Amino acid sequence: MIREEGDRLYISGPVTMNTAMKILEAMAGRIGSSGKIIDFSEATDIDSSAVSLMLEWSRKARAAGGEVRFANPGDAITSLTDLYGVEDLIALEA
């Protein structure tokens, strides 16, 4: 579900309402003040829960004095962040 390589955390498998709490628990303690990149390139199914997780991780990183960035969000996440108007609250990797 979560694979860590250096500063990059890979989310694999579905990111849906059914898996969001497990993913959140698996990420506990991994988001802090150091810059992390959360990569969705291995995610297989995405719903609005992914955006909720991204907002939560961004909030936690800012509270710790850091930033989290997101890589390879795919069309589903990009469409959802645009739809909800939260694209400015989520840092995408350039």
PDB file of N, CA and C in Angstrom:
ATOM      1  N   MET A   1       0.826  -1.196   0.000  1.00  0.00           N
ATOM      2  CA  MET A   1       0.000   0.000   0.000  1.00  0.00           C
ATOM      3  C   MET A   1       0.871   1.262   0.000  1.00  0.00           C
ATOM      4  N   ILE A   2       1.901   1.313   0.880  1.00  0.00           N
ATOM      5  CA  ILE A   2       2.828   2.431   0.920  1.00  0.00           C
ATOM      6  C   ILE A   2       4.241   1.867   0.787  1.00  0.00           C
ATOM      7  N   ARG A   3       4.973   2.376  -0.183  1.00  0.00           N
ATOM      8  CA  ARG A   3       6.367   1.977  -0.367  1.00  0.00           C
ATOM      9  C   ARG A   3       7.209   3.243  -0.285  1.00  0.00           C
ATOM     10  N   GLU A   4       8.257   3.200   0.518  1.00  0.00           N
ATOM     11  CA  GLU A   4       9.083   4.392   0.720  1.00  0.00           C
ATOM     12  C   GLU A   4      10.456   4.192   0.096  1.00  0.00           C
ATOM     13  N   GLU A   5      10.868   5.164  -0.708  1.00  0.00           N
ATOM     14  CA  GLU A   5      12.202   5.177  -1.299  1.00  0.00           C
ATOM     15  C   GLU A   5      12.759   6.578  -1.115  1.00  0.00           C
ATOM     16  N   GLY A   6      13.643   6.751  -0.154  1.00  0.00           N
ATOM     17  CA  GLY A   6      14.187   8.067   0.143  1.00  0.00           C
ATOM     18  C   GLY A   6      13.090   8.997   0.626  1.00  0.00           C
ATOM     19  N   ASP A   7      12.961  10.142  -0.040  1.00  0.00           N
ATOM     20  CA  ASP A   7      11.926  11.117   0.324  1.00  0.00           C
ATOM     21  C   ASP A   7      10.606  10.872  -0.403  1.00  0.00           C
ATOM     22  N   ARG A   8      10.539   9.820  -1.194  1.00  0.00           N
ATOM     23  CA  ARG A   8       9.337   9.551  -1.998  1.00  0.00           C
ATOM     24  C   ARG A   8       8.539   8.400  -1.393  1.00  0.00           C
ATOM     25  N   LEU A   9       7.244   8.646  -1.242  1.00  0.00           N
ATOM     26  CA  LEU A   9       6.313   7.630  -0.750  1.00  0.00           C
ATOM     27  C   LEU A   9       5.369   7.263  -1.889  1.00  0.00           C
ATOM     28  N   TYR A  10       5.364   6.005  -2.269  1.00  0.00           N
ATOM     29  CA  TYR A  10       4.511   5.533  -3.361  1.00  0.00           C
ATOM     30  C   TYR A  10       3.230   4.942  -2.784  1.00  0.00           C
ATOM     31  N   ILE A  11       2.092   5.440  -3.276  1.00  0.00           N
ATOM     32  CA  ILE A  11       0.790   4.900  -2.918  1.00  0.00           C
ATOM     33  C   ILE A  11       0.430   3.881  -3.997  1.00  0.00           C
ATOM     34  N   SER A  12       0.196   2.636  -3.593  1.00  0.00           N
ATOM     35  CA  SER A  12      -0.160   1.626  -4.595  1.00  0.00           C
ATOM     36  C   SER A  12      -1.535   1.048  -4.289  1.00  0.00           C
ATOM     37  N   GLY A  13      -2.169   0.575  -5.336  1.00  0.00           N
ATOM     38  CA  GLY A  13      -3.500   0.001  -5.195  1.00  0.00           C
ATOM     39  C   GLY A  13      -4.576   1.073  -5.200  1.00  0.00           C
ATOM     40  N   PRO A  14      -5.789   0.697  -4.806  1.00  0.00           N
ATOM     41  CA  PRO A  14      -6.901   1.644  -4.841  1.00  0.00           C
ATOM     42  C   PRO A  14      -6.801   2.696  -3.737  1.00  0.00           C
ATOM     43  N   VAL A  15      -7.204   3.920  -4.073  1.00  0.00           N
ATOM     44  CA  VAL A  15      -7.303   5.014  -3.111  1.00  0.00           C
ATOM     45  C   VAL A  15      -8.764   5.462  -3.160  1.00  0.00           C
ATOM     46  N   THR A  16      -9.567   4.784  -2.347  1.00  0.00           N
ATOM     47  CA  THR A  16     -11.018   4.984  -2.366  1.00  0.00           C
ATOM     48  C   THR A  16     -11.537   5.087  -0.930  1.00  0.00           C
ATOM     49  N   MET A  17     -12.818   5.309  -0.807  1.00  0.00           N
ATOM     50  CA  MET A  17     -13.426   5.377   0.522  1.00  0.00           C
ATOM     51  C   MET A  17     -13.160   4.092   1.315  1.00  0.00           C
ATOM     52  N   ASN A  18     -13.079   2.968   0.629  1.00  0.00           N
ATOM     53  CA  ASN A  18     -12.846   1.687   1.305  1.00  0.00           C
ATOM     54  C   ASN A  18     -11.426   1.536   1.835  1.00  0.00           C
ATOM     55  N   THR A  19     -10.471   2.266   1.268  1.00  0.00           N
ATOM     56  CA  THR A  19      -9.066   2.104   1.657  1.00  0.00           C
ATOM     57  C   THR A  19      -8.474   3.340   2.325  1.00  0.00           C
ATOM     58  N   ALA A  20      -9.179   4.451   2.334  1.00  0.00           N
ATOM     59  CA  ALA A  20      -8.623   5.723   2.810  1.00  0.00           C
ATOM     60  C   ALA A  20      -8.114   5.651   4.250  1.00  0.00           C
ATOM     61  N   MET A  21      -8.865   5.042   5.152  1.00  0.00           N
ATOM     62  CA  MET A  21      -8.436   4.967   6.550  1.00  0.00           C
ATOM     63  C   MET A  21      -7.183   4.106   6.700  1.00  0.00           C
ATOM     64  N   LYS A  22      -7.089   3.018   5.956  1.00  0.00           N
ATOM     65  CA  LYS A  22      -5.892   2.171   6.009  1.00  0.00           C
ATOM     66  C   LYS A  22      -4.674   2.933   5.494  1.00  0.00           C
ATOM     67  N   ILE A  23      -4.865   3.693   4.432  1.00  0.00           N
ATOM     68  CA  ILE A  23      -3.765   4.479   3.879  1.00  0.00           C
ATOM     69  C   ILE A  23      -3.354   5.557   4.869  1.00  0.00           C
ATOM     70  N   LEU A  24      -4.322   6.233   5.451  1.00  0.00           N
ATOM     71  CA  LEU A  24      -4.034   7.272   6.439  1.00  0.00           C
ATOM     72  C   LEU A  24      -3.244   6.698   7.615  1.00  0.00           C
ATOM     73  N   GLU A  25      -3.655   5.537   8.105  1.00  0.00           N
ATOM     74  CA  GLU A  25      -2.950   4.885   9.203  1.00  0.00           C
ATOM     75  C   GLU A  25      -1.540   4.471   8.797  1.00  0.00           C
ATOM     76  N   ALA A  26      -1.388   3.959   7.579  1.00  0.00           N
ATOM     77  CA  ALA A  26      -0.072   3.537   7.095  1.00  0.00           C
ATOM     78  C   ALA A  26       0.880   4.717   6.924  1.00  0.00           C
ATOM     79  N   MET A  27       0.340   5.901   6.701  1.00  0.00           N
ATOM     80  CA  MET A  27       1.163   7.100   6.519  1.00  0.00           C
ATOM     81  C   MET A  27       1.476   7.799   7.839  1.00  0.00           C
ATOM     82  N   ALA A  28       0.852   7.382   8.920  1.00  0.00           N
ATOM     83  CA  ALA A  28       1.058   8.039  10.220  1.00  0.00           C
ATOM     84  C   ALA A  28       2.540   8.066  10.558  1.00  0.00           C
ATOM     85  N   GLY A  29       3.012   9.240  10.925  1.00  0.00           N
ATOM     86  CA  GLY A  29       4.407   9.403  11.297  1.00  0.00           C
ATOM     87  C   GLY A  29       5.373   9.577  10.140  1.00  0.00           C
ATOM     88  N   ARG A  30       4.903   9.434   8.933  1.00  0.00           N
ATOM     89  CA  ARG A  30       5.786   9.578   7.768  1.00  0.00           C
ATOM     90  C   ARG A  30       5.793  10.991   7.203  1.00  0.00           C
ATOM     91  N   ILE A  31       4.796  11.788   7.584  1.00  0.00           N
ATOM     92  CA  ILE A  31       4.715  13.168   7.117  1.00  0.00           C
ATOM     93  C   ILE A  31       5.186  14.053   8.264  1.00  0.00           C
ATOM     94  N   GLY A  32       6.220  14.808   8.036  1.00  0.00           N
ATOM     95  CA  GLY A  32       6.733  15.699   9.071  1.00  0.00           C
ATOM     96  C   GLY A  32       7.253  16.975   8.451  1.00  0.00           C
ATOM     97  N   SER A  33       8.243  17.544   9.095  1.00  0.00           N
ATOM     98  CA  SER A  33       8.763  18.820   8.611  1.00  0.00           C
ATOM     99  C   SER A  33       9.674  18.651   7.409  1.00  0.00           C
ATOM    100  N   SER A  34      10.239  17.462   7.211  1.00  0.00           N
ATOM    101  CA  SER A  34      11.093  17.264   6.036  1.00  0.00           C
ATOM    102  C   SER A  34      10.219  17.081   4.805  1.00  0.00           C
ATOM    103  N   GLY A  35      10.678  17.574   3.694  1.00  0.00           N
ATOM    104  CA  GLY A  35       9.892  17.511   2.460  1.00  0.00           C
ATOM    105  C   GLY A  35       9.722  16.091   1.960  1.00  0.00           C
ATOM    106  N   LYS A  36       8.512  15.667   1.800  1.00  0.00           N
ATOM    107  CA  LYS A  36       8.203  14.356   1.250  1.00  0.00           C
ATOM    108  C   LYS A  36       7.467  14.533  -0.065  1.00  0.00           C
ATOM    109  N   ILE A  37       7.641  13.580  -0.933  1.00  0.00           N
ATOM    110  CA  ILE A  37       6.902  13.543  -2.188  1.00  0.00           C
ATOM    111  C   ILE A  37       6.033  12.289  -2.142  1.00  0.00           C
ATOM    112  N   ILE A  38       4.746  12.488  -2.308  1.00  0.00           N
ATOM    113  CA  ILE A  38       3.813  11.366  -2.341  1.00  0.00           C
ATOM    114  C   ILE A  38       3.453  11.121  -3.797  1.00  0.00           C
ATOM    115  N   ASP A  39       3.764   9.937  -4.256  1.00  0.00           N
ATOM    116  CA  ASP A  39       3.656   9.588  -5.671  1.00  0.00           C
ATOM    117  C   ASP A  39       2.466   8.654  -5.891  1.00  0.00           C
ATOM    118  N   PHE A  40       1.575   9.052  -6.782  1.00  0.00           N
ATOM    119  CA  PHE A  40       0.370   8.269  -7.078  1.00  0.00           C
ATOM    120  C   PHE A  40       0.514   7.412  -8.345  1.00  0.00           C
ATOM    121  N   SER A  41       1.737   7.253  -8.847  1.00  0.00           N
ATOM    122  CA  SER A  41       1.913   6.521 -10.113  1.00  0.00           C
ATOM    123  C   SER A  41       1.513   5.056 -10.019  1.00  0.00           C
ATOM    124  N   GLU A  42       1.466   4.492  -8.823  1.00  0.00           N
ATOM    125  CA  GLU A  42       1.100   3.085  -8.651  1.00  0.00           C
ATOM    126  C   GLU A  42      -0.333   2.902  -8.158  1.00  0.00           C
ATOM    127  N   ALA A  43      -1.085   3.992  -8.025  1.00  0.00           N
ATOM    128  CA  ALA A  43      -2.487   3.904  -7.596  1.00  0.00           C
ATOM    129  C   ALA A  43      -3.326   3.353  -8.740  1.00  0.00           C
ATOM    130  N   THR A  44      -4.255   2.473  -8.414  1.00  0.00           N
ATOM    131  CA  THR A  44      -5.029   1.808  -9.466  1.00  0.00           C
ATOM    132  C   THR A  44      -6.457   2.312  -9.595  1.00  0.00           C
ATOM    133  N   ASP A  45      -7.015   2.836  -8.544  1.00  0.00           N
ATOM    134  CA  ASP A  45      -8.396   3.310  -8.569  1.00  0.00           C
ATOM    135  C   ASP A  45      -8.462   4.515  -7.647  1.00  0.00           C
ATOM    136  N   ILE A  46      -9.037   5.601  -8.135  1.00  0.00           N
ATOM    137  CA  ILE A  46      -9.037   6.864  -7.387  1.00  0.00           C
ATOM    138  C   ILE A  46     -10.465   7.378  -7.275  1.00  0.00           C
ATOM    139  N   ASP A  47     -10.829   7.831  -6.066  1.00  0.00           N
ATOM    140  CA  ASP A  47     -12.065   8.593  -5.924  1.00  0.00           C
ATOM    141  C   ASP A  47     -11.758   9.841  -5.091  1.00  0.00           C
ATOM    142  N   SER A  48     -12.764  10.542  -4.668  1.00  0.00           N
ATOM    143  CA  SER A  48     -12.563  11.813  -3.966  1.00  0.00           C
ATOM    144  C   SER A  48     -11.814  11.652  -2.647  1.00  0.00           C
ATOM    145  N   SER A  49     -11.721  10.444  -2.141  1.00  0.00           N
ATOM    146  CA  SER A  49     -10.958  10.202  -0.915  1.00  0.00           C
ATOM    147  C   SER A  49      -9.497  10.580  -1.093  1.00  0.00           C
ATOM    148  N   ALA A  50      -8.969  10.420  -2.295  1.00  0.00           N
ATOM    149  CA  ALA A  50      -7.573  10.776  -2.555  1.00  0.00           C
ATOM    150  C   ALA A  50      -7.339  12.260  -2.300  1.00  0.00           C
ATOM    151  N   VAL A  51      -8.271  13.092  -2.717  1.00  0.00           N
ATOM    152  CA  VAL A  51      -8.136  14.539  -2.500  1.00  0.00           C
ATOM    153  C   VAL A  51      -8.202  14.848  -1.010  1.00  0.00           C
ATOM    154  N   SER A  52      -9.079  14.189  -0.292  1.00  0.00           N
ATOM    155  CA  SER A  52      -9.163  14.383   1.159  1.00  0.00           C
ATOM    156  C   SER A  52      -7.851  14.005   1.833  1.00  0.00           C
ATOM    157  N   LEU A  53      -7.259  12.896   1.423  1.00  0.00           N
ATOM    158  CA  LEU A  53      -5.976  12.488   1.980  1.00  0.00           C
ATOM    159  C   LEU A  53      -4.891  13.512   1.666  1.00  0.00           C
ATOM    160  N   MET A  54      -4.866  13.995   0.451  1.00  0.00           N
ATOM    161  CA  MET A  54      -3.864  14.986   0.055  1.00  0.00           C
ATOM    162  C   MET A  54      -3.985  16.258   0.888  1.00  0.00           C
ATOM    163  N   LEU A  55      -5.198  16.697   1.118  1.00  0.00           N
ATOM    164  CA  LEU A  55      -5.403  17.890   1.934  1.00  0.00           C
ATOM    165  C   LEU A  55      -4.958  17.641   3.375  1.00  0.00           C
ATOM    166  N   GLU A  56      -5.257  16.476   3.917  1.00  0.00           N
ATOM    167  CA  GLU A  56      -4.851  16.138   5.282  1.00  0.00           C
ATOM    168  C   GLU A  56      -3.329  16.077   5.403  1.00  0.00           C
ATOM    169  N   TRP A  57      -2.662  15.436   4.460  1.00  0.00           N
ATOM    170  CA  TRP A  57      -1.201  15.358   4.510  1.00  0.00           C
ATOM    171  C   TRP A  57      -0.564  16.727   4.346  1.00  0.00           C
ATOM    172  N   SER A  58      -1.135  17.560   3.498  1.00  0.00           N
ATOM    173  CA  SER A  58      -0.625  18.931   3.337  1.00  0.00           C
ATOM    174  C   SER A  58      -0.767  19.708   4.643  1.00  0.00           C
ATOM    175  N   ARG A  59      -1.906  19.563   5.287  1.00  0.00           N
ATOM    176  CA  ARG A  59      -2.147  20.249   6.560  1.00  0.00           C
ATOM    177  C   ARG A  59      -1.165  19.781   7.628  1.00  0.00           C
ATOM    178  N   LYS A  60      -0.947  18.484   7.725  1.00  0.00           N
ATOM    179  CA  LYS A  60      -0.017  17.945   8.721  1.00  0.00           C
ATOM    180  C   LYS A  60       1.407  18.423   8.471  1.00  0.00           C
ATOM    181  N   ALA A  61       1.816  18.440   7.222  1.00  0.00           N
ATOM    182  CA  ALA A  61       3.171  18.895   6.896  1.00  0.00           C
ATOM    183  C   ALA A  61       3.340  20.369   7.260  1.00  0.00           C
ATOM    184  N   ARG A  62       2.355  21.194   6.911  1.00  0.00           N
ATOM    185  CA  ARG A  62       2.437  22.624   7.254  1.00  0.00           C
ATOM    186  C   ARG A  62       2.466  22.823   8.767  1.00  0.00           C
ATOM    187  N   ALA A  63       1.685  22.050   9.500  1.00  0.00           N
ATOM    188  CA  ALA A  63       1.656  22.161  10.962  1.00  0.00           C
ATOM    189  C   ALA A  63       3.015  21.809  11.566  1.00  0.00           C
ATOM    190  N   ALA A  64       3.774  20.947  10.895  1.00  0.00           N
ATOM    191  CA  ALA A  64       5.098  20.557  11.356  1.00  0.00           C
ATOM    192  C   ALA A  64       6.183  21.483  10.807  1.00  0.00           C
ATOM    193  N   GLY A  65       5.775  22.513  10.056  1.00  0.00           N
ATOM    194  CA  GLY A  65       6.725  23.469   9.499  1.00  0.00           C
ATOM    195  C   GLY A  65       7.345  23.036   8.188  1.00  0.00           C
ATOM    196  N   GLY A  66       6.718  22.109   7.503  1.00  0.00           N
ATOM    197  CA  GLY A  66       7.255  21.612   6.243  1.00  0.00           C
ATOM    198  C   GLY A  66       6.247  21.676   5.116  1.00  0.00           C
ATOM    199  N   GLU A  67       6.521  20.895   4.108  1.00  0.00           N
ATOM    200  CA  GLU A  67       5.637  20.831   2.950  1.00  0.00           C
ATOM    201  C   GLU A  67       5.692  19.422   2.383  1.00  0.00           C
ATOM    202  N   VAL A  68       4.590  18.969   1.892  1.00  0.00           N
ATOM    203  CA  VAL A  68       4.530  17.706   1.170  1.00  0.00           C
ATOM    204  C   VAL A  68       4.144  18.049  -0.265  1.00  0.00           C
ATOM    205  N   ARG A  69       4.732  17.314  -1.204  1.00  0.00           N
ATOM    206  CA  ARG A  69       4.422  17.533  -2.612  1.00  0.00           C
ATOM    207  C   ARG A  69       3.889  16.233  -3.185  1.00  0.00           C
ATOM    208  N   PHE A  70       3.128  16.371  -4.265  1.00  0.00           N
ATOM    209  CA  PHE A  70       2.476  15.211  -4.868  1.00  0.00           C
ATOM    210  C   PHE A  70       2.930  15.044  -6.308  1.00  0.00           C
ATOM    211  N   ALA A  71       3.245  13.808  -6.665  1.00  0.00           N
ATOM    212  CA  ALA A  71       3.713  13.496  -8.007  1.00  0.00           C
ATOM    213  C   ALA A  71       2.743  12.532  -8.689  1.00  0.00           C
ATOM    214  N   ASN A  72       2.678  12.640  -9.996  1.00  0.00           N
ATOM    215  CA  ASN A  72       1.879  11.731 -10.819  1.00  0.00           C
ATOM    216  C   ASN A  72       0.442  11.581 -10.336  1.00  0.00           C
ATOM    217  N   PRO A  73      -0.271  12.707 -10.173  1.00  0.00           N
ATOM    218  CA  PRO A  73      -1.628  12.613  -9.654  1.00  0.00           C
ATOM    219  C   PRO A  73      -2.620  11.978 -10.617  1.00  0.00           C
ATOM    220  N   GLY A  74      -2.329  11.998 -11.891  1.00  0.00           N
ATOM    221  CA  GLY A  74      -3.242  11.422 -12.874  1.00  0.00           C
ATOM    222  C   GLY A  74      -4.445  12.316 -13.129  1.00  0.00           C
ATOM    223  N   ASP A  75      -5.179  11.964 -14.154  1.00  0.00           N
ATOM    224  CA  ASP A  75      -6.329  12.767 -14.578  1.00  0.00           C
ATOM    225  C   ASP A  75      -7.448  12.800 -13.540  1.00  0.00           C
ATOM    226  N   ALA A  76      -7.676  11.692 -12.853  1.00  0.00           N
ATOM    227  CA  ALA A  76      -8.780  11.643 -11.872  1.00  0.00           C
ATOM    228  C   ALA A  76      -8.548  12.646 -10.746  1.00  0.00           C
ATOM    229  N   ILE A  77      -7.349  12.653 -10.180  1.00  0.00           N
ATOM    230  CA  ILE A  77      -7.058  13.587  -9.085  1.00  0.00           C
ATOM    231  C   ILE A  77      -7.059  15.019  -9.590  1.00  0.00           C
ATOM    232  N   THR A  78      -6.463  15.254 -10.730  1.00  0.00           N
ATOM    233  CA  THR A  78      -6.427  16.609 -11.290  1.00  0.00           C
ATOM    234  C   THR A  78      -7.839  17.133 -11.524  1.00  0.00           C
ATOM    235  N   SER A  79      -8.697  16.301 -12.073  1.00  0.00           N
ATOM    236  CA  SER A  79     -10.089  16.708 -12.306  1.00  0.00           C
ATOM    237  C   SER A  79     -10.810  17.011 -10.992  1.00  0.00           C
ATOM    238  N   LEU A  80     -10.586  16.173  -9.985  1.00  0.00           N
ATOM    239  CA  LEU A  80     -11.248  16.372  -8.697  1.00  0.00           C
ATOM    240  C   LEU A  80     -10.751  17.633  -7.986  1.00  0.00           C
ATOM    241  N   THR A  81      -9.444  17.890  -8.022  1.00  0.00           N
ATOM    242  CA  THR A  81      -8.938  19.099  -7.360  1.00  0.00           C
ATOM    243  C   THR A  81      -9.457  20.348  -8.053  1.00  0.00           C
ATOM    244  N   ASP A  82      -9.583  20.297  -9.382  1.00  0.00           N
ATOM    245  CA  ASP A  82     -10.168  21.417 -10.125  1.00  0.00           C
ATOM    246  C   ASP A  82     -11.644  21.584  -9.771  1.00  0.00           C
ATOM    247  N   LEU A  83     -12.373  20.481  -9.732  1.00  0.00           N
ATOM    248  CA  LEU A  83     -13.797  20.517  -9.423  1.00  0.00           C
ATOM    249  C   LEU A  83     -14.055  21.114  -8.041  1.00  0.00           C
ATOM    250  N   TYR A  84     -13.249  20.717  -7.056  1.00  0.00           N
ATOM    251  CA  TYR A  84     -13.431  21.190  -5.685  1.00  0.00           C
ATOM    252  C   TYR A  84     -12.767  22.542  -5.425  1.00  0.00           C
ATOM    253  N   GLY A  85     -11.973  23.032  -6.381  1.00  0.00           N
ATOM    254  CA  GLY A  85     -11.316  24.320  -6.221  1.00  0.00           C
ATOM    255  C   GLY A  85     -10.203  24.320  -5.190  1.00  0.00           C
ATOM    256  N   VAL A  86      -9.519  23.197  -5.033  1.00  0.00           N
ATOM    257  CA  VAL A  86      -8.462  23.092  -4.023  1.00  0.00           C
ATOM    258  C   VAL A  86      -7.068  22.944  -4.636  1.00  0.00           C
ATOM    259  N   GLU A  87      -6.957  23.142  -5.930  1.00  0.00           N
ATOM    260  CA  GLU A  87      -5.673  22.946  -6.593  1.00  0.00           C
ATOM    261  C   GLU A  87      -4.578  23.840  -6.013  1.00  0.00           C
ATOM    262  N   ASP A  88      -4.930  25.010  -5.484  1.00  0.00           N
ATOM    263  CA  ASP A  88      -3.928  25.907  -4.888  1.00  0.00           C
ATOM    264  C   ASP A  88      -3.479  25.442  -3.503  1.00  0.00           C
ATOM    265  N   LEU A  89      -4.191  24.512  -2.899  1.00  0.00           N
ATOM    266  CA  LEU A  89      -3.858  24.026  -1.560  1.00  0.00           C
ATOM    267  C   LEU A  89      -2.973  22.778  -1.612  1.00  0.00           C
ATOM    268  N   ILE A  90      -2.777  22.245  -2.807  1.00  0.00           N
ATOM    269  CA  ILE A  90      -2.028  21.009  -2.982  1.00  0.00           C
ATOM    270  C   ILE A  90      -0.830  21.286  -3.877  1.00  0.00           C
ATOM    271  N   ALA A  91       0.371  21.013  -3.355  1.00  0.00           N
ATOM    272  CA  ALA A  91       1.610  21.272  -4.103  1.00  0.00           C
ATOM    273  C   ALA A  91       1.943  20.087  -4.991  1.00  0.00           C
ATOM    274  N   LEU A  92       1.874  20.314  -6.284  1.00  0.00           N
ATOM    275  CA  LEU A  92       2.234  19.259  -7.236  1.00  0.00           C
ATOM    276  C   LEU A  92       3.705  19.399  -7.609  1.00  0.00           C
ATOM    277  N   GLU A  93       4.377  18.275  -7.732  1.00  0.00           N
ATOM    278  CA  GLU A  93       5.787  18.264  -8.112  1.00  0.00           C
ATOM    279  C   GLU A  93       5.926  18.765  -9.537  1.00  0.00           C
ATOM    280  N   ALA A  94       6.873  19.646  -9.729  1.00  0.00           N
ATOM    281  CA  ALA A  94       7.100  20.210 -11.079  1.00  0.00           C
ATOM    282  C   ALA A  94       7.871  19.245 -11.945  1.00  0.00           C
TER     283      ALA A  94
END
